[in-house]
Amino acid sequence: MARHKEFEVNEVLDKAIHLFWVQGYEKTSMQELVEYMGIHRRSIYDTFGDKHALFMSALKRYEAIQNNKMRLLVEKQEPVKQLLQYFLQTTLEKEGDPQGCFLVNSGVELGVLDQEVSSFVEDSYTKTEKLLYELILIGQQTGEIAAKLDPDVLSHYFMNAWLGLRTMVKTATNQEKLSGIINTTLSILE
């Protein structure tokens, strides 16, 4: 007879996200995951597989949460410049999350070592660039963004700025400096 799971999968997966986010993949041991997630090692293996499979499940859940936030952002139907500012600004405002970005951290740590992680992170970046592209097109259609600007180039530019901010917030303590970077990035739209 199959045992009944005594935990909610997404709750323990969120704990794994947090631990991997803070420590990285290599520095996180299975024993730490067992203790932090509050479930038995066997339950981790039965539910998620090995450490790498758990890590990939954590990345996928994190991406899904981020994509949902992005979708809600676009659905606000506010002026595009405001949405782009909010997009960049949210990097600085972490409500209980570690600084930076779990996805960016994972790409930096494992991108050249792990093809599965590298492909996943690259695909995620592509999805974000596509969303930025769509926002920029909307801004051009409404006249907020100059039609002469190339939406492809702008989407790459904003993606690069966003990734840079997500890396910088891990060490930068000067909020004025970070806000200045956001303002300068947005000024390209003028």
N, C-alpha and C. Protein backbone atom coordinates (compact mmCIF):
# COMPACT_ATOMS: atom_id res chain seq x y z
N MET A 1 0.83 -1.17 0.00
CA MET A 1 0.00 0.00 0.00
C MET A 1 0.88 1.24 0.00
N ALA A 2 0.58 2.22 -0.87
CA ALA A 2 1.36 3.44 -0.97
C ALA A 2 1.16 4.31 0.27
N ARG A 3 2.26 4.92 0.70
CA ARG A 3 2.19 5.81 1.86
C ARG A 3 1.61 7.15 1.44
N HIS A 4 0.88 7.75 2.35
CA HIS A 4 0.32 9.08 2.16
C HIS A 4 1.40 10.12 2.43
N LYS A 5 1.56 11.08 1.51
CA LYS A 5 2.54 12.15 1.72
C LYS A 5 2.09 12.99 2.91
N GLU A 6 3.03 13.25 3.80
CA GLU A 6 2.73 14.02 5.00
C GLU A 6 3.21 15.46 4.86
N PHE A 7 3.31 15.93 3.63
CA PHE A 7 3.76 17.31 3.40
C PHE A 7 3.15 17.80 2.10
N GLU A 8 3.09 19.12 1.97
CA GLU A 8 2.60 19.74 0.75
C GLU A 8 3.81 19.99 -0.13
N VAL A 9 3.79 19.46 -1.35
CA VAL A 9 4.96 19.48 -2.23
C VAL A 9 5.48 20.89 -2.46
N ASN A 10 4.60 21.84 -2.79
CA ASN A 10 5.07 23.19 -3.07
C ASN A 10 5.67 23.88 -1.86
N GLU A 11 5.17 23.58 -0.67
CA GLU A 11 5.74 24.16 0.54
C GLU A 11 7.17 23.71 0.76
N VAL A 12 7.43 22.42 0.61
CA VAL A 12 8.79 21.94 0.82
C VAL A 12 9.68 22.35 -0.35
N LEU A 13 9.12 22.45 -1.53
CA LEU A 13 9.88 22.91 -2.69
C LEU A 13 10.29 24.38 -2.50
N ASP A 14 9.41 25.18 -1.92
CA ASP A 14 9.75 26.58 -1.63
C ASP A 14 10.91 26.66 -0.64
N LYS A 15 10.95 25.74 0.29
CA LYS A 15 12.07 25.70 1.24
C LYS A 15 13.36 25.33 0.52
N ALA A 16 13.28 24.39 -0.41
CA ALA A 16 14.46 24.01 -1.19
C ALA A 16 14.94 25.19 -2.02
N ILE A 17 14.01 25.93 -2.63
CA ILE A 17 14.37 27.12 -3.40
C ILE A 17 15.18 28.06 -2.52
N HIS A 18 14.66 28.33 -1.33
CA HIS A 18 15.34 29.27 -0.43
C HIS A 18 16.76 28.81 -0.10
N LEU A 19 16.91 27.55 0.25
CA LEU A 19 18.23 27.06 0.62
C LEU A 19 19.20 27.06 -0.56
N PHE A 20 18.75 26.60 -1.72
CA PHE A 20 19.59 26.64 -2.91
C PHE A 20 19.92 28.09 -3.29
N TRP A 21 18.97 28.98 -3.12
CA TRP A 21 19.15 30.38 -3.47
C TRP A 21 20.23 31.01 -2.60
N VAL A 22 20.19 30.73 -1.32
CA VAL A 22 21.14 31.32 -0.38
C VAL A 22 22.53 30.70 -0.52
N GLN A 23 22.58 29.38 -0.65
CA GLN A 23 23.86 28.67 -0.61
C GLN A 23 24.41 28.26 -1.98
N GLY A 24 23.54 28.15 -2.97
CA GLY A 24 23.96 27.62 -4.25
C GLY A 24 23.83 26.11 -4.27
N TYR A 25 23.91 25.55 -5.46
CA TYR A 25 23.74 24.10 -5.62
C TYR A 25 24.88 23.32 -4.97
N GLU A 26 26.10 23.69 -5.30
CA GLU A 26 27.26 22.92 -4.84
C GLU A 26 27.43 22.93 -3.33
N LYS A 27 27.12 24.04 -2.69
CA LYS A 27 27.33 24.15 -1.24
C LYS A 27 26.17 23.61 -0.41
N THR A 28 25.12 23.15 -1.07
CA THR A 28 23.97 22.62 -0.36
C THR A 28 24.03 21.09 -0.36
N SER A 29 24.09 20.53 0.83
CA SER A 29 24.15 19.07 0.94
C SER A 29 22.75 18.48 1.08
N MET A 30 22.64 17.21 0.80
CA MET A 30 21.35 16.53 0.98
C MET A 30 20.91 16.59 2.44
N GLN A 31 21.84 16.47 3.36
CA GLN A 31 21.49 16.52 4.78
C GLN A 31 20.90 17.89 5.14
N GLU A 32 21.47 18.95 4.60
CA GLU A 32 20.92 20.29 4.85
C GLU A 32 19.52 20.41 4.26
N LEU A 33 19.33 19.84 3.08
CA LEU A 33 17.99 19.86 2.47
C LEU A 33 16.99 19.11 3.33
N VAL A 34 17.38 17.95 3.83
CA VAL A 34 16.51 17.15 4.70
C VAL A 34 16.09 17.99 5.91
N GLU A 35 17.08 18.60 6.55
CA GLU A 35 16.80 19.37 7.77
C GLU A 35 15.98 20.63 7.46
N TYR A 36 16.33 21.34 6.41
CA TYR A 36 15.66 22.61 6.11
C TYR A 36 14.25 22.38 5.56
N MET A 37 14.09 21.37 4.74
CA MET A 37 12.77 21.08 4.17
C MET A 37 11.86 20.40 5.18
N GLY A 38 12.45 19.78 6.19
CA GLY A 38 11.65 19.15 7.24
C GLY A 38 10.99 17.85 6.81
N ILE A 39 11.59 17.16 5.83
CA ILE A 39 11.07 15.86 5.41
C ILE A 39 12.21 14.86 5.36
N HIS A 40 11.87 13.60 5.33
CA HIS A 40 12.86 12.54 5.30
C HIS A 40 13.57 12.48 3.95
N ARG A 41 14.81 12.04 4.00
CA ARG A 41 15.61 11.87 2.79
C ARG A 41 14.88 10.98 1.77
N ARG A 42 14.29 9.91 2.25
CA ARG A 42 13.57 8.99 1.37
C ARG A 42 12.41 9.70 0.66
N SER A 43 11.73 10.59 1.41
CA SER A 43 10.63 11.35 0.82
C SER A 43 11.12 12.28 -0.28
N ILE A 44 12.30 12.86 -0.09
CA ILE A 44 12.88 13.71 -1.13
C ILE A 44 13.14 12.88 -2.38
N TYR A 45 13.79 11.74 -2.20
CA TYR A 45 14.10 10.87 -3.35
C TYR A 45 12.83 10.36 -4.02
N ASP A 46 11.85 9.96 -3.22
CA ASP A 46 10.59 9.43 -3.79
C ASP A 46 9.79 10.50 -4.53
N THR A 47 9.81 11.71 -4.03
CA THR A 47 9.00 12.78 -4.60
C THR A 47 9.70 13.52 -5.73
N PHE A 48 10.98 13.81 -5.54
CA PHE A 48 11.70 14.66 -6.50
C PHE A 48 12.80 13.94 -7.26
N GLY A 49 13.34 12.89 -6.70
CA GLY A 49 14.50 12.23 -7.28
C GLY A 49 15.75 12.63 -6.53
N ASP A 50 16.88 12.63 -7.21
CA ASP A 50 18.13 12.98 -6.56
C ASP A 50 18.25 14.50 -6.37
N LYS A 51 19.38 14.95 -5.83
CA LYS A 51 19.59 16.37 -5.54
C LYS A 51 19.43 17.21 -6.81
N HIS A 52 19.98 16.75 -7.91
CA HIS A 52 19.90 17.53 -9.15
C HIS A 52 18.45 17.64 -9.63
N ALA A 53 17.71 16.57 -9.55
CA ALA A 53 16.30 16.60 -9.96
C ALA A 53 15.51 17.55 -9.05
N LEU A 54 15.81 17.53 -7.75
CA LEU A 54 15.17 18.46 -6.81
C LEU A 54 15.52 19.90 -7.19
N PHE A 55 16.78 20.13 -7.51
CA PHE A 55 17.23 21.46 -7.91
C PHE A 55 16.47 21.93 -9.16
N MET A 56 16.33 21.06 -10.14
CA MET A 56 15.61 21.43 -11.36
C MET A 56 14.13 21.70 -11.06
N SER A 57 13.54 20.92 -10.16
CA SER A 57 12.15 21.17 -9.75
C SER A 57 12.04 22.53 -9.07
N ALA A 58 13.04 22.87 -8.26
CA ALA A 58 13.06 24.17 -7.58
C ALA A 58 13.17 25.30 -8.61
N LEU A 59 14.05 25.15 -9.59
CA LEU A 59 14.19 26.16 -10.64
C LEU A 59 12.88 26.34 -11.41
N LYS A 60 12.23 25.24 -11.73
CA LYS A 60 10.98 25.30 -12.48
C LYS A 60 9.88 26.00 -11.67
N ARG A 61 9.81 25.69 -10.39
CA ARG A 61 8.81 26.35 -9.54
C ARG A 61 9.11 27.85 -9.42
N TYR A 62 10.37 28.18 -9.22
CA TYR A 62 10.76 29.58 -9.11
C TYR A 62 10.39 30.33 -10.40
N GLU A 63 10.71 29.74 -11.54
CA GLU A 63 10.39 30.38 -12.82
C GLU A 63 8.88 30.56 -12.96
N ALA A 64 8.11 29.57 -12.58
CA ALA A 64 6.65 29.67 -12.69
C ALA A 64 6.13 30.81 -11.81
N ILE A 65 6.66 30.95 -10.62
CA ILE A 65 6.26 32.04 -9.72
C ILE A 65 6.62 33.39 -10.35
N GLN A 66 7.83 33.49 -10.89
CA GLN A 66 8.28 34.74 -11.52
C GLN A 66 7.45 35.05 -12.76
N ASN A 67 7.16 34.05 -13.56
CA ASN A 67 6.33 34.26 -14.76
C ASN A 67 4.95 34.76 -14.40
N ASN A 68 4.39 34.23 -13.32
CA ASN A 68 3.08 34.67 -12.86
C ASN A 68 3.12 36.14 -12.44
N LYS A 69 4.19 36.53 -11.74
CA LYS A 69 4.34 37.93 -11.35
C LYS A 69 4.45 38.82 -12.58
N MET A 70 5.19 38.37 -13.58
CA MET A 70 5.35 39.14 -14.80
C MET A 70 4.01 39.26 -15.54
N ARG A 71 3.28 38.18 -15.59
CA ARG A 71 1.97 38.21 -16.26
C ARG A 71 1.04 39.20 -15.57
N LEU A 72 1.04 39.18 -14.23
CA LEU A 72 0.21 40.12 -13.47
C LEU A 72 0.65 41.56 -13.71
N LEU A 73 1.95 41.76 -13.88
CA LEU A 73 2.48 43.08 -14.17
C LEU A 73 1.92 43.60 -15.49
N VAL A 74 1.99 42.78 -16.52
CA VAL A 74 1.51 43.18 -17.84
C VAL A 74 -0.01 43.43 -17.81
N GLU A 75 -0.73 42.62 -17.05
CA GLU A 75 -2.18 42.76 -16.99
C GLU A 75 -2.64 44.02 -16.28
N LYS A 76 -1.73 44.71 -15.59
CA LYS A 76 -2.10 45.95 -14.90
C LYS A 76 -2.56 47.03 -15.87
N GLN A 77 -2.11 46.92 -17.11
CA GLN A 77 -2.46 47.87 -18.17
C GLN A 77 -2.19 49.31 -17.76
N GLU A 78 -1.07 49.51 -17.11
CA GLU A 78 -0.61 50.86 -16.78
C GLU A 78 0.29 51.32 -17.92
N PRO A 79 0.70 52.58 -17.91
CA PRO A 79 1.63 53.03 -18.94
C PRO A 79 2.88 52.14 -18.97
N VAL A 80 3.36 51.85 -20.17
CA VAL A 80 4.46 50.91 -20.36
C VAL A 80 5.72 51.37 -19.63
N LYS A 81 6.01 52.66 -19.66
CA LYS A 81 7.20 53.15 -18.95
C LYS A 81 7.12 52.85 -17.46
N GLN A 82 5.92 52.97 -16.90
CA GLN A 82 5.72 52.64 -15.49
C GLN A 82 5.95 51.14 -15.25
N LEU A 83 5.44 50.32 -16.17
CA LEU A 83 5.62 48.88 -16.03
C LEU A 83 7.10 48.50 -16.11
N LEU A 84 7.82 49.12 -17.04
CA LEU A 84 9.25 48.83 -17.16
C LEU A 84 10.01 49.30 -15.92
N GLN A 85 9.62 50.45 -15.37
CA GLN A 85 10.25 50.92 -14.14
C GLN A 85 9.97 49.94 -13.00
N TYR A 86 8.72 49.52 -12.91
CA TYR A 86 8.35 48.55 -11.87
C TYR A 86 9.13 47.25 -12.05
N PHE A 87 9.26 46.80 -13.29
CA PHE A 87 10.02 45.59 -13.62
C PHE A 87 11.44 45.68 -13.07
N LEU A 88 12.09 46.81 -13.28
CA LEU A 88 13.46 46.98 -12.78
C LEU A 88 13.48 47.20 -11.27
N GLN A 89 12.52 47.97 -10.77
CA GLN A 89 12.48 48.33 -9.35
C GLN A 89 12.26 47.11 -8.45
N THR A 90 11.48 46.13 -8.92
CA THR A 90 11.21 44.96 -8.08
C THR A 90 12.48 44.19 -7.75
N THR A 91 13.51 44.39 -8.55
CA THR A 91 14.79 43.74 -8.27
C THR A 91 15.37 44.23 -6.95
N LEU A 92 15.09 45.47 -6.61
CA LEU A 92 15.63 46.07 -5.38
C LEU A 92 14.79 45.74 -4.16
N GLU A 93 13.54 45.39 -4.37
CA GLU A 93 12.60 45.18 -3.26
C GLU A 93 12.29 43.70 -3.10
N LYS A 94 12.96 43.08 -2.18
CA LYS A 94 12.75 41.65 -1.92
C LYS A 94 12.04 41.50 -0.58
N GLU A 95 10.83 41.00 -0.63
CA GLU A 95 10.03 40.83 0.57
C GLU A 95 10.31 39.47 1.19
N GLY A 96 11.35 39.39 2.00
CA GLY A 96 11.68 38.15 2.68
C GLY A 96 12.52 37.19 1.86
N ASP A 97 12.74 37.50 0.57
CA ASP A 97 13.58 36.65 -0.27
C ASP A 97 15.04 37.07 -0.14
N PRO A 98 15.94 36.16 -0.42
CA PRO A 98 17.35 36.55 -0.47
C PRO A 98 17.57 37.57 -1.59
N GLN A 99 18.65 38.30 -1.50
CA GLN A 99 18.97 39.28 -2.55
C GLN A 99 19.32 38.56 -3.84
N GLY A 100 19.16 39.27 -4.93
CA GLY A 100 19.51 38.70 -6.23
C GLY A 100 18.38 37.89 -6.80
N CYS A 101 18.73 36.90 -7.58
CA CYS A 101 17.75 36.09 -8.29
C CYS A 101 18.24 34.64 -8.30
N PHE A 102 17.40 33.74 -7.90
CA PHE A 102 17.75 32.32 -7.86
C PHE A 102 18.13 31.82 -9.24
N LEU A 103 17.41 32.25 -10.25
CA LEU A 103 17.68 31.81 -11.62
C LEU A 103 19.03 32.35 -12.11
N VAL A 104 19.28 33.63 -11.88
CA VAL A 104 20.56 34.23 -12.28
C VAL A 104 21.71 33.56 -11.54
N ASN A 105 21.55 33.39 -10.23
CA ASN A 105 22.59 32.74 -9.43
C ASN A 105 22.90 31.35 -9.99
N SER A 106 21.86 30.62 -10.33
CA SER A 106 22.04 29.25 -10.84
C SER A 106 22.75 29.26 -12.18
N GLY A 107 22.40 30.21 -13.04
CA GLY A 107 23.07 30.31 -14.32
C GLY A 107 24.54 30.65 -14.17
N VAL A 108 24.84 31.55 -13.25
CA VAL A 108 26.24 31.93 -13.01
C VAL A 108 27.02 30.76 -12.41
N GLU A 109 26.43 30.08 -11.44
CA GLU A 109 27.13 28.99 -10.77
C GLU A 109 27.30 27.77 -11.68
N LEU A 110 26.27 27.40 -12.41
CA LEU A 110 26.27 26.11 -13.10
C LEU A 110 26.20 26.19 -14.63
N GLY A 111 26.05 27.39 -15.16
CA GLY A 111 25.82 27.55 -16.59
C GLY A 111 26.82 26.84 -17.49
N VAL A 112 28.09 26.89 -17.16
CA VAL A 112 29.10 26.24 -18.01
C VAL A 112 29.35 24.80 -17.59
N LEU A 113 28.81 24.39 -16.45
CA LEU A 113 29.05 23.04 -15.93
C LEU A 113 27.90 22.07 -16.16
N ASP A 114 26.71 22.59 -16.32
CA ASP A 114 25.51 21.75 -16.35
C ASP A 114 24.62 22.19 -17.52
N GLN A 115 24.58 21.40 -18.57
CA GLN A 115 23.84 21.75 -19.77
C GLN A 115 22.35 21.89 -19.51
N GLU A 116 21.81 21.07 -18.64
CA GLU A 116 20.37 21.15 -18.34
C GLU A 116 20.04 22.48 -17.69
N VAL A 117 20.84 22.90 -16.72
CA VAL A 117 20.62 24.19 -16.06
C VAL A 117 20.82 25.32 -17.06
N SER A 118 21.90 25.24 -17.84
CA SER A 118 22.19 26.27 -18.83
C SER A 118 21.04 26.46 -19.80
N SER A 119 20.51 25.38 -20.33
CA SER A 119 19.39 25.44 -21.29
C SER A 119 18.15 26.01 -20.64
N PHE A 120 17.89 25.59 -19.41
CA PHE A 120 16.70 26.06 -18.71
C PHE A 120 16.78 27.57 -18.47
N VAL A 121 17.94 28.03 -17.98
CA VAL A 121 18.11 29.46 -17.69
C VAL A 121 18.02 30.27 -18.98
N GLU A 122 18.67 29.81 -20.03
CA GLU A 122 18.62 30.52 -21.30
C GLU A 122 17.18 30.61 -21.82
N ASP A 123 16.44 29.53 -21.72
CA ASP A 123 15.04 29.53 -22.15
C ASP A 123 14.21 30.52 -21.32
N SER A 124 14.47 30.57 -20.05
CA SER A 124 13.76 31.49 -19.17
C SER A 124 14.07 32.94 -19.55
N TYR A 125 15.34 33.23 -19.82
CA TYR A 125 15.73 34.57 -20.25
C TYR A 125 15.02 34.94 -21.56
N THR A 126 14.94 33.99 -22.47
CA THR A 126 14.28 34.23 -23.75
C THR A 126 12.81 34.59 -23.54
N LYS A 127 12.14 33.91 -22.63
CA LYS A 127 10.74 34.21 -22.33
C LYS A 127 10.60 35.63 -21.78
N THR A 128 11.52 36.02 -20.90
CA THR A 128 11.46 37.37 -20.33
C THR A 128 11.72 38.42 -21.41
N GLU A 129 12.69 38.17 -22.28
CA GLU A 129 12.96 39.10 -23.38
C GLU A 129 11.74 39.24 -24.29
N LYS A 130 11.03 38.14 -24.51
CA LYS A 130 9.83 38.19 -25.35
C LYS A 130 8.77 39.07 -24.70
N LEU A 131 8.61 38.94 -23.39
CA LEU A 131 7.65 39.78 -22.67
C LEU A 131 8.07 41.26 -22.77
N LEU A 132 9.36 41.53 -22.59
CA LEU A 132 9.84 42.91 -22.71
C LEU A 132 9.58 43.45 -24.12
N TYR A 133 9.84 42.62 -25.11
CA TYR A 133 9.59 43.00 -26.50
C TYR A 133 8.12 43.38 -26.69
N GLU A 134 7.21 42.56 -26.16
CA GLU A 134 5.78 42.83 -26.30
C GLU A 134 5.39 44.13 -25.60
N LEU A 135 5.97 44.37 -24.41
CA LEU A 135 5.70 45.62 -23.70
C LEU A 135 6.18 46.82 -24.51
N ILE A 136 7.37 46.71 -25.08
CA ILE A 136 7.93 47.80 -25.87
C ILE A 136 7.07 48.08 -27.10
N LEU A 137 6.60 47.02 -27.76
CA LEU A 137 5.70 47.21 -28.91
C LEU A 137 4.43 47.95 -28.50
N ILE A 138 3.88 47.56 -27.37
CA ILE A 138 2.67 48.24 -26.87
C ILE A 138 2.99 49.71 -26.63
N GLY A 139 4.14 49.98 -26.01
CA GLY A 139 4.55 51.36 -25.77
C GLY A 139 4.73 52.15 -27.04
N GLN A 140 5.20 51.50 -28.08
CA GLN A 140 5.34 52.18 -29.37
C GLN A 140 3.98 52.43 -30.01
N GLN A 141 3.07 51.50 -29.85
CA GLN A 141 1.73 51.67 -30.42
C GLN A 141 0.95 52.79 -29.72
N THR A 142 1.20 52.95 -28.43
CA THR A 142 0.49 54.01 -27.68
C THR A 142 1.23 55.33 -27.75
N GLY A 143 2.41 55.35 -28.34
CA GLY A 143 3.18 56.58 -28.47
C GLY A 143 4.07 56.89 -27.27
N GLU A 144 4.11 56.02 -26.28
CA GLU A 144 4.97 56.24 -25.11
C GLU A 144 6.45 56.07 -25.44
N ILE A 145 6.73 55.18 -26.37
CA ILE A 145 8.10 54.87 -26.77
C ILE A 145 8.24 55.21 -28.24
N ALA A 146 9.31 55.89 -28.57
CA ALA A 146 9.53 56.32 -29.95
C ALA A 146 9.53 55.14 -30.91
N ALA A 147 8.80 55.27 -32.00
CA ALA A 147 8.69 54.20 -33.00
C ALA A 147 10.02 53.93 -33.70
N LYS A 148 10.92 54.92 -33.68
CA LYS A 148 12.21 54.76 -34.35
C LYS A 148 13.14 53.79 -33.61
N LEU A 149 12.84 53.52 -32.35
CA LEU A 149 13.69 52.61 -31.55
C LEU A 149 13.37 51.16 -31.92
N ASP A 150 14.39 50.35 -32.03
CA ASP A 150 14.25 48.94 -32.41
C ASP A 150 13.80 48.14 -31.19
N PRO A 151 12.60 47.55 -31.22
CA PRO A 151 12.10 46.80 -30.06
C PRO A 151 12.96 45.59 -29.70
N ASP A 152 13.57 44.96 -30.70
CA ASP A 152 14.47 43.83 -30.40
C ASP A 152 15.66 44.30 -29.57
N VAL A 153 16.29 45.36 -30.04
CA VAL A 153 17.46 45.90 -29.34
C VAL A 153 17.08 46.36 -27.94
N LEU A 154 15.95 47.05 -27.83
CA LEU A 154 15.50 47.51 -26.51
C LEU A 154 15.20 46.35 -25.57
N SER A 155 14.60 45.30 -26.07
CA SER A 155 14.29 44.16 -25.19
C SER A 155 15.58 43.51 -24.70
N HIS A 156 16.59 43.42 -25.57
CA HIS A 156 17.89 42.88 -25.14
C HIS A 156 18.55 43.81 -24.12
N TYR A 157 18.45 45.10 -24.38
CA TYR A 157 19.04 46.10 -23.49
C TYR A 157 18.42 46.03 -22.09
N PHE A 158 17.08 46.00 -22.04
CA PHE A 158 16.40 45.93 -20.74
C PHE A 158 16.68 44.61 -20.03
N MET A 159 16.77 43.54 -20.78
CA MET A 159 17.11 42.26 -20.17
C MET A 159 18.50 42.32 -19.55
N ASN A 160 19.44 42.88 -20.26
CA ASN A 160 20.80 43.00 -19.74
C ASN A 160 20.83 43.88 -18.48
N ALA A 161 20.11 44.99 -18.52
CA ALA A 161 20.05 45.87 -17.36
C ALA A 161 19.44 45.15 -16.16
N TRP A 162 18.38 44.41 -16.41
CA TRP A 162 17.69 43.68 -15.34
C TRP A 162 18.60 42.62 -14.74
N LEU A 163 19.29 41.88 -15.60
CA LEU A 163 20.22 40.86 -15.10
C LEU A 163 21.35 41.49 -14.31
N GLY A 164 21.84 42.63 -14.81
CA GLY A 164 22.90 43.34 -14.09
C GLY A 164 22.44 43.77 -12.71
N LEU A 165 21.25 44.32 -12.62
CA LEU A 165 20.71 44.73 -11.32
C LEU A 165 20.53 43.53 -10.39
N ARG A 166 20.07 42.42 -10.94
CA ARG A 166 19.84 41.23 -10.12
C ARG A 166 21.15 40.66 -9.59
N THR A 167 22.24 40.98 -10.26
CA THR A 167 23.55 40.57 -9.77
C THR A 167 24.08 41.59 -8.77
N MET A 168 23.95 42.87 -9.10
CA MET A 168 24.49 43.94 -8.25
C MET A 168 23.86 43.99 -6.86
N VAL A 169 22.56 43.70 -6.77
CA VAL A 169 21.88 43.84 -5.47
C VAL A 169 22.44 42.89 -4.42
N LYS A 170 23.17 41.90 -4.85
CA LYS A 170 23.76 40.96 -3.89
C LYS A 170 24.88 41.61 -3.08
N THR A 171 25.50 42.64 -3.64
CA THR A 171 26.62 43.26 -2.93
C THR A 171 26.47 44.77 -2.75
N ALA A 172 25.69 45.43 -3.58
CA ALA A 172 25.55 46.88 -3.51
C ALA A 172 24.67 47.27 -2.34
N THR A 173 25.12 48.24 -1.57
CA THR A 173 24.32 48.72 -0.44
C THR A 173 23.80 50.13 -0.69
N ASN A 174 24.31 50.79 -1.72
CA ASN A 174 23.92 52.16 -2.03
C ASN A 174 22.66 52.14 -2.90
N GLN A 175 21.52 52.37 -2.27
CA GLN A 175 20.24 52.35 -2.99
C GLN A 175 20.13 53.48 -4.00
N GLU A 176 20.76 54.62 -3.71
CA GLU A 176 20.74 55.73 -4.67
C GLU A 176 21.45 55.35 -5.96
N LYS A 177 22.55 54.62 -5.82
CA LYS A 177 23.29 54.17 -7.00
C LYS A 177 22.42 53.25 -7.84
N LEU A 178 21.75 52.30 -7.21
CA LEU A 178 20.89 51.36 -7.93
C LEU A 178 19.70 52.08 -8.57
N SER A 179 19.11 53.02 -7.85
CA SER A 179 18.00 53.79 -8.42
C SER A 179 18.48 54.63 -9.60
N GLY A 180 19.70 55.16 -9.52
CA GLY A 180 20.28 55.91 -10.63
C GLY A 180 20.45 55.05 -11.87
N ILE A 181 20.83 53.81 -11.67
CA ILE A 181 20.98 52.88 -12.79
C ILE A 181 19.62 52.65 -13.45
N ILE A 182 18.60 52.48 -12.64
CA ILE A 182 17.25 52.29 -13.18
C ILE A 182 16.81 53.52 -13.97
N ASN A 183 17.01 54.70 -13.41
CA ASN A 183 16.61 55.93 -14.10
C ASN A 183 17.36 56.10 -15.42
N THR A 184 18.66 55.81 -15.40
CA THR A 184 19.45 55.92 -16.64
C THR A 184 18.97 54.91 -17.67
N THR A 185 18.66 53.70 -17.22
CA THR A 185 18.16 52.67 -18.14
C THR A 185 16.85 53.12 -18.78
N LEU A 186 15.96 53.68 -17.98
CA LEU A 186 14.67 54.14 -18.52
C LEU A 186 14.81 55.34 -19.43
N SER A 187 15.88 56.11 -19.25
CA SER A 187 16.05 57.33 -20.06
C SER A 187 16.29 56.99 -21.54
N ILE A 188 16.68 55.79 -21.84
CA ILE A 188 16.90 55.40 -23.24
C ILE A 188 15.59 55.44 -24.04
N LEU A 189 14.47 55.39 -23.34
CA LEU A 189 13.17 55.39 -24.00
C LEU A 189 12.75 56.78 -24.45
N GLU A 190 13.44 57.80 -23.98
CA GLU A 190 13.05 59.19 -24.27
C GLU A 190 13.56 59.65 -25.62
